[in-house]
Amino acid sequence: MSTKLTDLTALGTTPAAGDLLTLVDVDDFTGGAEGTSKKVTYANLGIGGGGDDHFVFNGGGYVSTTNESAVTMGMSTTDGLYFNYLTTALIPFACRVVSVITQSQSNAGSTDIRVYKPTGYSTSVASETALGTVNQAAHNGGTVYTSTFDSATYDFAAGDRLGVTIEGASNPNGLSLTVLLKKK
C-alpha cells in the first residue's frame, strides 16, 4: 500500500542533518519520461537549518582611548568602561559567537578584540573575565577585520548578556562592529 506525501505527518521542527527527504531527480527526465524519485539527507541540501541559523548584533561608536573599552551594541558617541544597557546585548536563545567583524576610522595598531559574558548589569570591564581574545596585529583605518571565536567557549544561553571590548595600541576613533552568532 502506498501513501501520498500529503498524507504524511509534518515534522514540525528543523530537520536533523541525517533526516531523509524525497525528491524527483529532473536530470532523469528523457523525452517526456518522468524523473526518478530519490532520497537525500537534509545535511546534503546545504541549507544549514533553513537559512535562519545565524543572526547578528551590530554596533559601534566612538572609542577615544587605547584602554580596553566596551563597544556599544547600538550606536553611541561615548566610550564604554562598563557593561550596561548600551554595551551589552541580551541573547534571545542558545547560540555561539562565531566571529566579530570590526572596522575603525583610524589606525589602531595591534588590537585585541575580546568577548565577554558579563555577570551583572552595570559592571566595570575591569571586573569581568573575558571568554577569549583575538589579536589583530594591525588594525588599519577603513579595513574590515574578522576575529573568529567559533568554539564551545563562546556558547551563550537564552538570557545571557553579551559584551565585546576593543583595546588598541592607538586610538581607533570611530568603530563599527558586527557580531555573528549561530543558533545552537
C-alpha atoms as a PDB file:
ATOM      1  CA  MET A   1       0.000   0.000   0.000  1.00  0.00           C
ATOM      2  CA  SER A   2       1.442   3.377  -0.925  1.00  0.00           C
ATOM      3  CA  THR A   3       0.938   6.626   0.985  1.00  0.00           C
ATOM      4  CA  LYS A   4       0.663  10.065  -0.570  1.00  0.00           C
ATOM      5  CA  LEU A   5       3.242  12.616   0.604  1.00  0.00           C
ATOM      6  CA  THR A   6       0.392  14.967   1.500  1.00  0.00           C
ATOM      7  CA  ASP A   7      -0.995  12.324   3.885  1.00  0.00           C
ATOM      8  CA  LEU A   8       2.230  12.096   5.943  1.00  0.00           C
ATOM      9  CA  THR A   9       2.634  13.772   9.343  1.00  0.00           C
ATOM     10  CA  ALA A  10       4.594  17.042   9.232  1.00  0.00           C
ATOM     11  CA  LEU A  11       7.911  17.087  11.118  1.00  0.00           C
ATOM     12  CA  GLY A  12       7.145  20.370  12.934  1.00  0.00           C
ATOM     13  CA  THR A  13      10.794  21.204  13.750  1.00  0.00           C
ATOM     14  CA  THR A  14      14.026  21.865  11.895  1.00  0.00           C
ATOM     15  CA  PRO A  15      15.180  18.564  10.374  1.00  0.00           C
ATOM     16  CA  ALA A  16      18.288  16.865  11.752  1.00  0.00           C
ATOM     17  CA  ALA A  17      21.301  16.524   9.439  1.00  0.00           C
ATOM     18  CA  GLY A  18      20.642  12.815   8.817  1.00  0.00           C
ATOM     19  CA  ASP A  19      16.883  13.130   8.167  1.00  0.00           C
ATOM     20  CA  LEU A  20      15.843  11.955   4.705  1.00  0.00           C
ATOM     21  CA  LEU A  21      13.787  13.845   2.155  1.00  0.00           C
ATOM     22  CA  THR A  22      12.267  12.681  -1.109  1.00  0.00           C
ATOM     23  CA  LEU A  23      12.943  14.476  -4.370  1.00  0.00           C
ATOM     24  CA  VAL A  24      12.408  13.937  -8.061  1.00  0.00           C
ATOM     25  CA  ASP A  25      15.695  13.947  -9.990  1.00  0.00           C
ATOM     26  CA  VAL A  26      14.853  16.058 -13.064  1.00  0.00           C
ATOM     27  CA  ASP A  27      18.128  15.051 -14.723  1.00  0.00           C
ATOM     28  CA  ASP A  28      16.478  11.660 -15.288  1.00  0.00           C
ATOM     29  CA  PHE A  29      13.743  13.186 -17.480  1.00  0.00           C
ATOM     30  CA  THR A  30      14.256  11.961 -21.032  1.00  0.00           C
ATOM     31  CA  GLY A  31      11.922  12.663 -23.901  1.00  0.00           C
ATOM     32  CA  GLY A  32       8.792  13.114 -21.803  1.00  0.00           C
ATOM     33  CA  ALA A  33       9.580  10.301 -19.353  1.00  0.00           C
ATOM     34  CA  GLU A  34       9.088  11.050 -15.676  1.00  0.00           C
ATOM     35  CA  GLY A  35      12.042  11.649 -13.355  1.00  0.00           C
ATOM     36  CA  THR A  36      13.283   9.169 -10.806  1.00  0.00           C
ATOM     37  CA  SER A  37      12.381   9.541  -7.126  1.00  0.00           C
ATOM     38  CA  LYS A  38      15.478   9.597  -4.929  1.00  0.00           C
ATOM     39  CA  LYS A  39      16.419  10.297  -1.328  1.00  0.00           C
ATOM     40  CA  VAL A  40      18.733  12.993   0.033  1.00  0.00           C
ATOM     41  CA  THR A  41      19.813  13.849   3.576  1.00  0.00           C
ATOM     42  CA  TYR A  42      18.902  17.239   4.952  1.00  0.00           C
ATOM     43  CA  ALA A  43      22.620  17.988   5.501  1.00  0.00           C
ATOM     44  CA  ASN A  44      23.377  17.348   1.818  1.00  0.00           C
ATOM     45  CA  LEU A  45      20.896  20.015   0.756  1.00  0.00           C
ATOM     46  CA  GLY A  46      23.360  22.586   2.116  1.00  0.00           C
ATOM     47  CA  ILE A  47      20.730  24.907   3.532  1.00  0.00           C
ATOM     48  CA  GLY A  48      22.073  24.870   7.101  1.00  0.00           C
ATOM     49  CA  GLY A  49      18.904  24.926   9.137  1.00  0.00           C
ATOM     50  CA  GLY A  50      16.710  26.656   6.602  1.00  0.00           C
ATOM     51  CA  GLY A  51      18.885  29.754   6.308  1.00  0.00           C
ATOM     52  CA  ASP A  52      17.883  31.170   9.678  1.00  0.00           C
ATOM     53  CA  ASP A  53      20.546  29.547  11.845  1.00  0.00           C
ATOM     54  CA  HIS A  54      22.741  32.687  12.087  1.00  0.00           C
ATOM     55  CA  PHE A  55      21.970  36.202  13.298  1.00  0.00           C
ATOM     56  CA  VAL A  56      23.922  39.380  14.038  1.00  0.00           C
ATOM     57  CA  PHE A  57      24.209  42.236  16.505  1.00  0.00           C
ATOM     58  CA  ASN A  58      25.506  45.471  15.005  1.00  0.00           C
ATOM     59  CA  GLY A  59      27.055  48.262  16.987  1.00  0.00           C
ATOM     60  CA  GLY A  60      29.740  50.860  17.113  1.00  0.00           C
ATOM     61  CA  GLY A  61      30.544  54.315  18.209  1.00  0.00           C
ATOM     62  CA  TYR A  62      33.448  56.485  19.180  1.00  0.00           C
ATOM     63  CA  VAL A  63      36.401  54.952  21.026  1.00  0.00           C
ATOM     64  CA  SER A  64      38.750  57.707  22.183  1.00  0.00           C
ATOM     65  CA  THR A  65      41.115  55.628  24.288  1.00  0.00           C
ATOM     66  CA  THR A  66      43.740  52.938  23.949  1.00  0.00           C
ATOM     67  CA  ASN A  67      42.457  51.340  27.178  1.00  0.00           C
ATOM     68  CA  GLU A  68      40.096  48.398  26.923  1.00  0.00           C
ATOM     69  CA  SER A  69      36.663  49.785  26.143  1.00  0.00           C
ATOM     70  CA  ALA A  70      33.250  48.119  25.808  1.00  0.00           C
ATOM     71  CA  VAL A  71      31.749  48.610  22.352  1.00  0.00           C
ATOM     72  CA  THR A  72      28.103  49.645  22.164  1.00  0.00           C
ATOM     73  CA  MET A  73      25.592  47.187  20.736  1.00  0.00           C
ATOM     74  CA  GLY A  74      23.740  50.043  19.067  1.00  0.00           C
ATOM     75  CA  MET A  75      25.355  53.392  18.456  1.00  0.00           C
ATOM     76  CA  SER A  76      26.880  55.803  20.933  1.00  0.00           C
ATOM     77  CA  THR A  77      29.339  58.672  20.948  1.00  0.00           C
ATOM     78  CA  THR A  78      30.894  57.793  24.310  1.00  0.00           C
ATOM     79  CA  ASP A  79      33.485  55.283  25.455  1.00  0.00           C
ATOM     80  CA  GLY A  80      32.212  52.360  27.496  1.00  0.00           C
ATOM     81  CA  LEU A  81      34.133  51.346  30.591  1.00  0.00           C
ATOM     82  CA  TYR A  82      31.089  49.457  31.904  1.00  0.00           C
ATOM     83  CA  PHE A  83      28.867  46.672  30.616  1.00  0.00           C
ATOM     84  CA  ASN A  84      25.367  48.169  30.711  1.00  0.00           C
ATOM     85  CA  TYR A  85      22.278  48.717  28.560  1.00  0.00           C
ATOM     86  CA  LEU A  86      24.372  50.332  25.788  1.00  0.00           C
ATOM     87  CA  THR A  87      27.297  47.919  25.766  1.00  0.00           C
ATOM     88  CA  THR A  88      25.577  44.548  26.120  1.00  0.00           C
ATOM     89  CA  ALA A  89      23.074  42.586  24.102  1.00  0.00           C
ATOM     90  CA  LEU A  90      20.620  40.161  25.667  1.00  0.00           C
ATOM     91  CA  ILE A  91      20.808  36.776  23.990  1.00  0.00           C
ATOM     92  CA  PRO A  92      17.348  35.585  22.815  1.00  0.00           C
ATOM     93  CA  PHE A  93      18.139  31.842  22.560  1.00  0.00           C
ATOM     94  CA  ALA A  94      21.031  29.379  22.891  1.00  0.00           C
ATOM     95  CA  CYS A  95      23.785  30.319  20.462  1.00  0.00           C
ATOM     96  CA  ARG A  96      27.528  30.629  19.882  1.00  0.00           C
ATOM     97  CA  VAL A  97      29.623  33.652  18.929  1.00  0.00           C
ATOM     98  CA  VAL A  98      31.189  32.783  15.583  1.00  0.00           C
ATOM     99  CA  SER A  99      33.043  35.997  14.772  1.00  0.00           C
ATOM    100  CA  VAL A 100      33.355  39.696  15.484  1.00  0.00           C
ATOM    101  CA  ILE A 101      33.840  41.930  12.462  1.00  0.00           C
ATOM    102  CA  THR A 102      35.323  45.381  13.075  1.00  0.00           C
ATOM    103  CA  GLN A 103      36.316  48.436  11.099  1.00  0.00           C
ATOM    104  CA  SER A 104      37.889  51.540  12.608  1.00  0.00           C
ATOM    105  CA  GLN A 105      38.096  55.132  11.446  1.00  0.00           C
ATOM    106  CA  SER A 106      41.792  55.474  12.338  1.00  0.00           C
ATOM    107  CA  ASN A 107      44.743  53.108  12.594  1.00  0.00           C
ATOM    108  CA  ALA A 108      44.525  51.339  15.965  1.00  0.00           C
ATOM    109  CA  GLY A 109      47.741  49.344  15.620  1.00  0.00           C
ATOM    110  CA  SER A 110      47.883  45.983  17.383  1.00  0.00           C
ATOM    111  CA  THR A 111      44.309  45.486  18.607  1.00  0.00           C
ATOM    112  CA  ASP A 112      42.692  42.964  20.965  1.00  0.00           C
ATOM    113  CA  ILE A 113      39.039  42.045  20.443  1.00  0.00           C
ATOM    114  CA  ARG A 114      37.508  40.294  23.472  1.00  0.00           C
ATOM    115  CA  VAL A 115      34.179  38.548  24.033  1.00  0.00           C
ATOM    116  CA  TYR A 116      32.537  38.612  27.470  1.00  0.00           C
ATOM    117  CA  LYS A 117      29.554  37.144  29.242  1.00  0.00           C
ATOM    118  CA  PRO A 118      29.094  39.927  31.845  1.00  0.00           C
ATOM    119  CA  THR A 119      27.920  38.575  35.185  1.00  0.00           C
ATOM    120  CA  GLY A 120      25.966  41.666  36.182  1.00  0.00           C
ATOM    121  CA  TYR A 121      24.359  44.818  34.941  1.00  0.00           C
ATOM    122  CA  SER A 122      26.482  47.990  35.072  1.00  0.00           C
ATOM    123  CA  THR A 123      29.696  46.152  35.926  1.00  0.00           C
ATOM    124  CA  SER A 124      33.098  47.537  35.010  1.00  0.00           C
ATOM    125  CA  VAL A 125      35.007  45.904  32.174  1.00  0.00           C
ATOM    126  CA  ALA A 126      37.997  45.548  34.532  1.00  0.00           C
ATOM    127  CA  SER A 127      35.971  43.406  36.978  1.00  0.00           C
ATOM    128  CA  GLU A 128      34.873  40.860  34.362  1.00  0.00           C
ATOM    129  CA  THR A 129      36.839  37.982  32.806  1.00  0.00           C
ATOM    130  CA  ALA A 130      36.981  37.679  29.024  1.00  0.00           C
ATOM    131  CA  LEU A 131      35.916  34.373  27.487  1.00  0.00           C
ATOM    132  CA  GLY A 132      38.731  34.873  24.999  1.00  0.00           C
ATOM    133  CA  THR A 133      40.770  37.322  22.946  1.00  0.00           C
ATOM    134  CA  VAL A 134      41.716  37.598  19.283  1.00  0.00           C
ATOM    135  CA  ASN A 135      44.610  39.898  18.436  1.00  0.00           C
ATOM    136  CA  GLN A 136      44.674  41.740  15.129  1.00  0.00           C
ATOM    137  CA  ALA A 137      48.385  42.533  14.626  1.00  0.00           C
ATOM    138  CA  ALA A 138      47.440  45.690  12.727  1.00  0.00           C
ATOM    139  CA  HIS A 139      44.017  47.322  12.702  1.00  0.00           C
ATOM    140  CA  ASN A 140      44.211  49.898   9.916  1.00  0.00           C
ATOM    141  CA  GLY A 141      41.537  52.535   9.443  1.00  0.00           C
ATOM    142  CA  GLY A 142      38.955  51.628   6.793  1.00  0.00           C
ATOM    143  CA  THR A 143      39.965  47.951   6.636  1.00  0.00           C
ATOM    144  CA  VAL A 144      37.492  45.256   7.675  1.00  0.00           C
ATOM    145  CA  TYR A 145      38.828  42.657  10.145  1.00  0.00           C
ATOM    146  CA  THR A 146      37.206  39.379  11.154  1.00  0.00           C
ATOM    147  CA  SER A 147      38.102  37.857  14.528  1.00  0.00           C
ATOM    148  CA  THR A 148      36.979  34.214  14.747  1.00  0.00           C
ATOM    149  CA  PHE A 149      35.761  32.827  18.091  1.00  0.00           C
ATOM    150  CA  ASP A 150      33.800  29.732  16.947  1.00  0.00           C
ATOM    151  CA  SER A 151      34.226  27.171  19.793  1.00  0.00           C
ATOM    152  CA  ALA A 152      32.204  25.922  22.789  1.00  0.00           C
ATOM    153  CA  THR A 153      33.964  28.556  24.938  1.00  0.00           C
ATOM    154  CA  TYR A 154      31.715  31.157  23.284  1.00  0.00           C
ATOM    155  CA  ASP A 155      28.362  29.406  23.874  1.00  0.00           C
ATOM    156  CA  PHE A 156      25.566  31.525  25.354  1.00  0.00           C
ATOM    157  CA  ALA A 157      22.214  30.508  26.854  1.00  0.00           C
ATOM    158  CA  ALA A 158      18.976  32.421  26.383  1.00  0.00           C
ATOM    159  CA  GLY A 159      19.007  35.419  28.734  1.00  0.00           C
ATOM    160  CA  ASP A 160      22.806  35.726  28.961  1.00  0.00           C
ATOM    161  CA  ARG A 161      24.418  39.092  28.302  1.00  0.00           C
ATOM    162  CA  LEU A 162      26.993  39.506  25.519  1.00  0.00           C
ATOM    163  CA  GLY A 163      29.705  42.133  25.665  1.00  0.00           C
ATOM    164  CA  VAL A 164      32.581  42.911  23.278  1.00  0.00           C
ATOM    165  CA  THR A 165      35.601  45.095  24.007  1.00  0.00           C
ATOM    166  CA  ILE A 166      38.406  46.598  21.965  1.00  0.00           C
ATOM    167  CA  GLU A 167      41.864  47.596  23.157  1.00  0.00           C
ATOM    168  CA  GLY A 168      44.276  49.078  20.645  1.00  0.00           C
ATOM    169  CA  ALA A 169      47.829  50.372  20.620  1.00  0.00           C
ATOM    170  CA  SER A 170      46.393  53.599  19.152  1.00  0.00           C
ATOM    171  CA  ASN A 171      43.042  55.366  19.373  1.00  0.00           C
ATOM    172  CA  PRO A 172      40.684  53.873  16.728  1.00  0.00           C
ATOM    173  CA  ASN A 173      38.234  56.824  16.918  1.00  0.00           C
ATOM    174  CA  GLY A 174      35.071  55.657  15.140  1.00  0.00           C
ATOM    175  CA  LEU A 175      34.427  51.928  15.207  1.00  0.00           C
ATOM    176  CA  SER A 176      31.787  49.710  13.616  1.00  0.00           C
ATOM    177  CA  LEU A 177      31.092  46.215  14.883  1.00  0.00           C
ATOM    178  CA  THR A 178      29.117  43.174  13.741  1.00  0.00           C
ATOM    179  CA  VAL A 179      28.876  40.099  15.961  1.00  0.00           C
ATOM    180  CA  LEU A 180      27.891  36.959  14.054  1.00  0.00           C
ATOM    181  CA  LEU A 181      26.156  34.292  16.167  1.00  0.00           C
ATOM    182  CA  LYS A 182      24.978  30.784  15.325  1.00  0.00           C
ATOM    183  CA  LYS A 183      21.892  29.208  16.888  1.00  0.00           C
ATOM    184  CA  LYS A 184      22.545  26.031  18.871  1.00  0.00           C
END
